[in-house]
Amino acid sequence: MAVNLDKPHLWKADIIQSVDMYNDWFIRFAPKAFRETRLQTTQDVEATLRATKNLTNVDPSILRMHPEVLPTLRMSACPPLAVDRLIGLAEVPGSLIKRMENKKKLPVQLKGPQLDAELRKIGDIIERMADPDIFVWLHRDEPPTETEIHRSATIVADRLCNSVANPIIRNAQEKRQLAAIKAWLEARQYQQLPVGNGIKFNAMPPGTFHFHMNVPVTLEGGKPINIPVDAVIMPKASRPGDLPLLLEAKSAGDFTNVNKRRKEEAAKMAQLRRSYGNAVRFNLFLCGYFDSGYLGYEAAEGIDWVWEHRIDDLAQFGL
């Protein structure tokens, strides 16, 4: 039975309420989430400064031991360096930089003196381009004071956090949405499965739920992959062989980005149907800026949704 996808006469009012709910949350909690992340990032930057002797010695051994510091080093330059700009300036393989950025690891194939030579090129560029207005001690004989180090780390942390501000807010909002689902389910005597339980998504006991679960699907051509699903819930009335309800927690702070991302859910639904048939139930838990264009697109794909401001609609999925 459809819950919201077949009720376009309700969409306009729901969109208004959802936007208001998101904006209220953003004003009250987003600054706190950003500050907490900035505090931790500042501590990480200070650790990087200590390891590199306050940016005076970006040695290959440091980058070997701590490839995860590369974003901090990029943001320490004047001007801050984008990934592709650093690749071009240092004349190093793009795969090296991107693996250090995305995986926080060194490449598997590049080793020994050859790896050290490439890492030295990166270090040389960072040392040459380190921002003297931030790291005021670079062109003087006296070592930096603790106050100067902390001030510099805060500035770099701001640069790092500003470059990933949207993911910080999105992660905080997802945690809040999943907490709302958890509270709703537990109030109805559902039990959360422990992490690492080893139970497959289609073998969950009735009356249980799990977050961030991998669901195996088969792509066209027969290649098996796992797709992550935010919330997997097995209704209490389920019988052996029944599939659980799959929910994606979605939030958005503007109307533009959701219409860029709407094909992601449709692609997941297509993969799930190809693997498990039309009985699969993949739906959305929405809060924020989702307009009629987005909703109509998802409805056409057979994807239903629950608005967070009307969370009790979850019951209509048989929960």
Protein backbone atom coordinates (compact mmCIF):
# COMPACT_ATOMS: atom_id res chain seq x y z
CA MET A 1 0.00 0.00 0.00
CA ALA A 2 1.33 3.43 -0.94
CA VAL A 3 1.96 5.84 1.93
CA ASN A 4 2.85 9.19 0.34
CA LEU A 5 3.82 8.65 -3.28
CA ASP A 6 0.17 8.54 -4.43
CA LYS A 7 -0.95 11.67 -2.54
CA PRO A 8 0.34 14.67 -4.54
CA HIS A 9 -2.39 16.86 -3.04
CA LEU A 10 -0.45 16.66 0.28
CA TRP A 11 3.01 17.31 -1.12
CA LYS A 12 2.98 21.13 -1.06
CA ALA A 13 2.03 21.36 2.62
CA ASP A 14 4.52 18.63 3.53
CA ILE A 15 7.34 20.37 1.66
CA ILE A 16 6.70 23.58 3.61
CA GLN A 17 6.69 21.75 6.95
CA SER A 18 9.81 19.77 6.05
CA VAL A 19 11.73 22.91 5.06
CA ASP A 20 10.70 24.58 8.33
CA MET A 21 11.82 21.53 10.33
CA TYR A 22 15.22 21.42 8.62
CA ASN A 23 15.81 25.15 9.05
CA ASP A 24 14.90 24.98 12.73
CA TRP A 25 17.37 22.12 13.24
CA PHE A 26 20.09 23.90 11.26
CA ILE A 27 19.85 27.11 13.28
CA ARG A 28 19.89 25.27 16.62
CA PHE A 29 22.35 22.42 16.03
CA ALA A 30 24.46 22.87 12.87
CA PRO A 31 26.80 25.46 14.48
CA LYS A 32 27.44 23.06 17.37
CA ALA A 33 28.25 20.18 14.98
CA PHE A 34 30.60 22.40 13.01
CA ARG A 35 32.36 23.70 16.15
CA GLU A 36 32.88 20.19 17.52
CA THR A 37 34.41 19.06 14.23
CA ARG A 38 36.59 22.18 14.08
CA LEU A 39 37.86 21.52 17.62
CA GLN A 40 38.91 17.97 16.75
CA THR A 41 40.38 19.14 13.44
CA THR A 42 42.43 21.81 15.24
CA GLN A 43 43.93 19.12 17.46
CA ASP A 44 44.74 17.04 14.38
CA VAL A 45 46.42 20.02 12.70
CA GLU A 46 48.52 20.69 15.81
CA ALA A 47 49.67 17.06 15.72
CA THR A 48 50.67 17.50 12.07
CA LEU A 49 52.64 20.63 12.93
CA ARG A 50 54.51 18.78 15.66
CA ALA A 51 55.31 15.89 13.31
CA THR A 52 56.67 18.23 10.61
CA LYS A 53 58.63 20.44 13.02
CA ASN A 54 56.11 23.21 12.45
CA LEU A 55 56.19 22.83 8.66
CA THR A 56 59.96 23.23 8.46
CA ASN A 57 60.60 19.57 7.64
CA VAL A 58 57.90 17.78 5.60
CA ASP A 59 60.03 14.68 5.32
CA PRO A 60 59.06 11.54 3.30
CA SER A 61 59.18 9.53 6.52
CA ILE A 62 56.34 11.67 7.93
CA LEU A 63 54.19 11.13 4.85
CA ARG A 64 54.97 7.41 4.95
CA MET A 65 53.84 7.11 8.55
CA HIS A 66 50.91 9.53 8.27
CA PRO A 67 49.54 9.80 4.71
CA GLU A 68 46.31 11.13 6.23
CA VAL A 69 47.95 14.53 6.91
CA LEU A 70 47.98 15.50 3.23
CA PRO A 71 44.72 17.55 3.34
CA THR A 72 46.14 19.53 6.28
CA LEU A 73 49.32 20.22 4.33
CA ARG A 74 47.36 21.35 1.25
CA MET A 75 45.38 23.80 3.37
CA SER A 76 48.62 25.14 4.87
CA ALA A 77 49.77 26.55 1.54
CA CYS A 78 49.29 30.05 0.17
CA PRO A 79 46.98 29.81 -1.66
CA PRO A 80 45.42 26.57 -0.39
CA LEU A 81 46.07 23.83 -2.93
CA ALA A 82 43.39 21.74 -4.58
CA VAL A 83 44.26 18.08 -5.15
CA ASP A 84 44.81 18.46 -8.90
CA ARG A 85 46.90 21.61 -8.40
CA LEU A 86 49.23 19.76 -6.01
CA ILE A 87 49.56 16.90 -8.50
CA GLY A 88 50.59 19.37 -11.20
CA LEU A 89 52.97 21.39 -9.07
CA ALA A 90 54.74 18.42 -7.50
CA GLU A 91 54.73 16.45 -10.78
CA VAL A 92 53.79 13.24 -9.01
CA PRO A 93 51.37 10.49 -10.09
CA GLY A 94 47.75 11.47 -9.54
CA SER A 95 47.04 8.02 -8.12
CA LEU A 96 49.51 8.67 -5.28
CA ILE A 97 47.87 11.92 -4.18
CA LYS A 98 44.32 10.65 -4.57
CA ARG A 99 44.99 7.47 -2.61
CA MET A 100 46.53 9.48 0.22
CA GLU A 101 43.52 11.84 0.12
CA ASN A 102 40.69 9.34 -0.24
CA LYS A 103 42.02 6.18 1.37
CA LYS A 104 44.51 7.71 3.81
CA LYS A 105 46.98 5.11 2.53
CA LEU A 106 50.05 4.87 0.33
CA PRO A 107 49.91 3.11 -3.05
CA VAL A 108 50.57 -0.63 -3.09
CA GLN A 109 52.78 -0.70 -6.20
CA LEU A 110 54.97 2.32 -5.49
CA LYS A 111 57.62 1.44 -2.90
CA GLY A 112 61.13 2.04 -1.62
CA PRO A 113 63.35 4.83 -3.00
CA GLN A 114 60.88 5.57 -5.81
CA LEU A 115 58.10 6.26 -3.29
CA ASP A 116 60.41 8.40 -1.16
CA ALA A 117 61.35 10.45 -4.22
CA GLU A 118 57.69 11.21 -4.99
CA LEU A 119 56.89 12.00 -1.36
CA ARG A 120 59.89 14.35 -1.21
CA LYS A 121 58.48 16.29 -4.17
CA ILE A 122 55.23 16.76 -2.27
CA GLY A 123 57.07 17.88 0.86
CA ASP A 124 59.20 20.35 -1.10
CA ILE A 125 56.12 22.03 -2.59
CA ILE A 126 54.43 22.28 0.83
CA GLU A 127 57.54 23.80 2.44
CA ARG A 128 57.96 26.30 -0.39
CA MET A 129 54.30 27.35 -0.38
CA ALA A 130 53.56 27.29 3.36
CA ASP A 131 51.57 30.43 4.17
CA PRO A 132 53.93 32.90 5.98
CA ASP A 133 50.98 34.96 7.23
CA ILE A 134 49.70 31.93 9.12
CA PHE A 135 52.99 30.33 10.10
CA VAL A 136 54.71 33.53 11.18
CA TRP A 137 57.80 31.76 12.48
CA LEU A 138 58.96 30.42 9.10
CA HIS A 139 61.22 33.37 8.29
CA ARG A 140 62.65 34.14 11.70
CA ASP A 141 65.14 32.56 14.05
CA GLU A 142 62.90 32.25 17.12
CA PRO A 143 60.77 29.10 17.41
CA PRO A 144 56.97 29.47 17.49
CA THR A 145 55.15 29.95 20.76
CA GLU A 146 52.34 27.65 21.82
CA THR A 147 49.88 30.48 21.20
CA GLU A 148 51.16 30.93 17.65
CA ILE A 149 50.94 27.20 16.95
CA HIS A 150 47.38 27.02 18.27
CA ARG A 151 46.33 30.10 16.31
CA SER A 152 47.80 28.70 13.10
CA ALA A 153 46.19 25.31 13.67
CA THR A 154 42.81 26.98 14.17
CA ILE A 155 43.12 28.86 10.86
CA VAL A 156 44.04 25.70 8.95
CA ALA A 157 41.26 23.79 10.70
CA ASP A 158 38.80 26.46 9.55
CA ARG A 159 40.04 26.02 5.98
CA LEU A 160 39.62 22.25 6.22
CA CYS A 161 36.16 22.43 7.78
CA ASN A 162 34.93 25.05 5.33
CA SER A 163 35.99 22.81 2.45
CA VAL A 164 33.85 19.97 3.84
CA ALA A 165 31.12 21.99 5.56
CA ASN A 166 28.26 20.27 3.73
CA PRO A 167 29.39 16.72 4.63
CA ILE A 168 29.80 17.78 8.28
CA ILE A 169 26.22 19.06 8.38
CA ARG A 170 24.93 16.07 6.39
CA ASN A 171 26.57 13.59 8.78
CA ALA A 172 25.16 15.36 11.82
CA GLN A 173 21.70 15.39 10.26
CA GLU A 174 21.91 11.68 9.38
CA LYS A 175 22.80 10.82 12.98
CA ARG A 176 19.80 12.80 14.17
CA GLN A 177 17.47 11.13 11.64
CA LEU A 178 18.62 7.63 12.56
CA ALA A 179 18.21 8.48 16.25
CA ALA A 180 14.60 9.49 15.51
CA ILE A 181 13.94 6.19 13.71
CA LYS A 182 15.57 4.26 16.56
CA ALA A 183 13.45 6.02 19.19
CA TRP A 184 10.27 5.42 17.20
CA LEU A 185 11.02 1.72 16.74
CA GLU A 186 12.12 1.07 20.31
CA ALA A 187 8.95 2.73 21.61
CA ARG A 188 7.18 -0.09 19.75
CA GLN A 189 9.42 -2.81 21.24
CA TYR A 190 11.68 -3.29 18.22
CA GLN A 191 15.24 -4.34 19.06
CA GLN A 192 18.42 -3.11 17.40
CA LEU A 193 20.76 -5.88 16.29
CA PRO A 194 24.34 -5.53 17.60
CA VAL A 195 27.12 -4.47 15.27
CA GLY A 196 28.94 -7.42 13.71
CA ASN A 197 26.11 -9.86 14.35
CA GLY A 198 26.68 -11.69 11.06
CA ILE A 199 22.96 -11.92 10.28
CA LYS A 200 22.07 -11.35 6.62
CA PHE A 201 19.55 -8.64 5.86
CA ASN A 202 16.92 -11.12 4.65
CA ALA A 203 17.35 -13.40 7.68
CA MET A 204 16.77 -10.82 10.40
CA PRO A 205 14.37 -11.95 13.15
CA PRO A 206 10.95 -10.26 13.15
CA GLY A 207 10.88 -7.13 15.29
CA THR A 208 14.54 -6.19 14.76
CA PHE A 209 16.39 -3.41 12.95
CA HIS A 210 19.93 -2.49 11.96
CA PHE A 211 21.65 0.65 10.67
CA HIS A 212 24.21 1.00 7.87
CA MET A 213 23.77 -2.50 6.56
CA ASN A 214 25.17 -3.86 3.30
CA VAL A 215 22.64 -5.49 0.98
CA PRO A 216 24.11 -7.71 -1.77
CA VAL A 217 22.82 -7.13 -5.32
CA THR A 218 23.79 -8.33 -8.77
CA LEU A 219 24.53 -5.82 -11.49
CA GLU A 220 23.72 -6.28 -15.15
CA GLY A 221 26.30 -8.71 -16.40
CA GLY A 222 26.26 -10.72 -13.20
CA LYS A 223 28.76 -8.79 -11.08
CA PRO A 224 27.89 -8.99 -7.34
CA ILE A 225 28.28 -5.85 -5.20
CA ASN A 226 27.04 -4.57 -1.84
CA ILE A 227 24.94 -1.44 -1.58
CA PRO A 228 24.75 0.34 1.80
CA VAL A 229 21.30 0.98 3.25
CA ASP A 230 20.82 3.36 6.19
CA ALA A 231 18.07 1.46 8.04
CA VAL A 232 16.90 -2.13 7.60
CA ILE A 233 13.78 -3.11 9.56
CA MET A 234 12.09 -6.53 9.77
CA PRO A 235 8.42 -5.99 10.74
CA LYS A 236 7.06 -7.96 13.67
CA ALA A 237 4.47 -9.69 11.49
CA SER A 238 7.09 -10.95 9.01
CA ARG A 239 7.10 -14.58 7.96
CA PRO A 240 10.07 -16.71 6.85
CA GLY A 241 11.18 -15.55 3.43
CA ASP A 242 9.80 -12.01 3.79
CA LEU A 243 12.11 -9.13 2.96
CA PRO A 244 12.70 -6.31 5.46
CA LEU A 245 11.80 -2.68 4.89
CA LEU A 246 14.77 -0.69 3.56
CA LEU A 247 14.97 3.01 4.44
CA GLU A 248 17.37 5.71 3.23
CA ALA A 249 17.68 8.74 5.51
CA LYS A 250 17.79 11.82 3.29
CA SER A 251 18.21 15.46 4.29
CA ALA A 252 18.86 18.53 2.15
CA GLY A 253 19.52 22.19 2.85
CA ASP A 254 18.50 23.46 -0.60
CA PHE A 255 16.37 22.42 -3.57
CA THR A 256 19.18 22.38 -6.13
CA ASN A 257 21.26 19.47 -4.88
CA VAL A 258 18.37 17.04 -4.35
CA ASN A 259 17.50 17.07 -8.02
CA LYS A 260 21.11 16.28 -8.85
CA ARG A 261 21.04 13.32 -6.44
CA ARG A 262 17.60 11.89 -7.16
CA LYS A 263 18.90 9.33 -9.66
CA GLU A 264 20.94 7.66 -6.90
CA GLU A 265 17.82 6.25 -5.23
CA ALA A 266 16.34 5.16 -8.56
CA ALA A 267 19.55 3.28 -9.39
CA LYS A 268 19.45 1.49 -6.01
CA MET A 269 15.82 0.55 -6.52
CA ALA A 270 16.59 -0.88 -9.97
CA GLN A 271 19.46 -2.96 -8.57
CA LEU A 272 17.33 -4.25 -5.69
CA ARG A 273 14.43 -5.20 -7.96
CA ARG A 274 16.77 -6.97 -10.36
CA SER A 275 18.10 -9.03 -7.46
CA TYR A 276 14.98 -9.58 -5.31
CA GLY A 277 11.96 -8.90 -7.49
CA ASN A 278 9.16 -6.36 -7.22
CA ALA A 279 8.39 -7.35 -3.62
CA VAL A 280 11.41 -5.41 -2.38
CA ARG A 281 10.51 -2.29 -0.38
CA PHE A 282 13.02 0.53 -0.65
CA ASN A 283 11.77 3.87 0.69
CA LEU A 284 12.99 7.24 1.94
CA PHE A 285 12.97 9.11 5.25
CA LEU A 286 12.96 12.78 4.30
CA CYS A 287 13.75 16.05 6.05
CA GLY A 288 14.46 19.32 4.31
CA TYR A 289 14.26 20.75 0.82
CA PHE A 290 12.60 18.10 -1.37
CA ASP A 291 10.37 19.72 -3.99
CA SER A 292 7.56 18.34 -6.16
CA GLY A 293 9.98 17.60 -8.99
CA TYR A 294 12.06 15.35 -6.75
CA LEU A 295 9.01 13.67 -5.23
CA GLY A 296 7.41 13.06 -8.62
CA TYR A 297 10.61 11.50 -9.94
CA GLU A 298 10.86 9.10 -6.99
CA ALA A 299 7.15 8.27 -7.15
CA ALA A 300 7.50 7.36 -10.83
CA GLU A 301 10.24 4.90 -9.84
CA GLY A 302 7.93 3.31 -7.25
CA ILE A 303 9.87 4.75 -4.31
CA ASP A 304 7.71 5.85 -1.38
CA TRP A 305 8.72 8.03 1.57
CA VAL A 306 8.00 9.13 5.11
CA TRP A 307 8.44 12.74 6.16
CA GLU A 308 10.28 13.14 9.43
CA HIS A 309 7.69 15.63 10.64
CA ARG A 310 5.12 12.84 10.18
CA ILE A 311 7.26 9.95 11.42
CA ASP A 312 4.19 7.99 12.54
CA ASP A 313 3.58 7.22 8.86
CA LEU A 314 6.16 4.46 9.38
CA ALA A 315 3.33 2.41 10.85
CA GLN A 316 1.70 2.32 7.41
CA PHE A 317 4.61 0.19 6.19
CA GLY A 318 3.50 -2.53 8.59
CA LEU A 319 5.80 -1.60 11.43
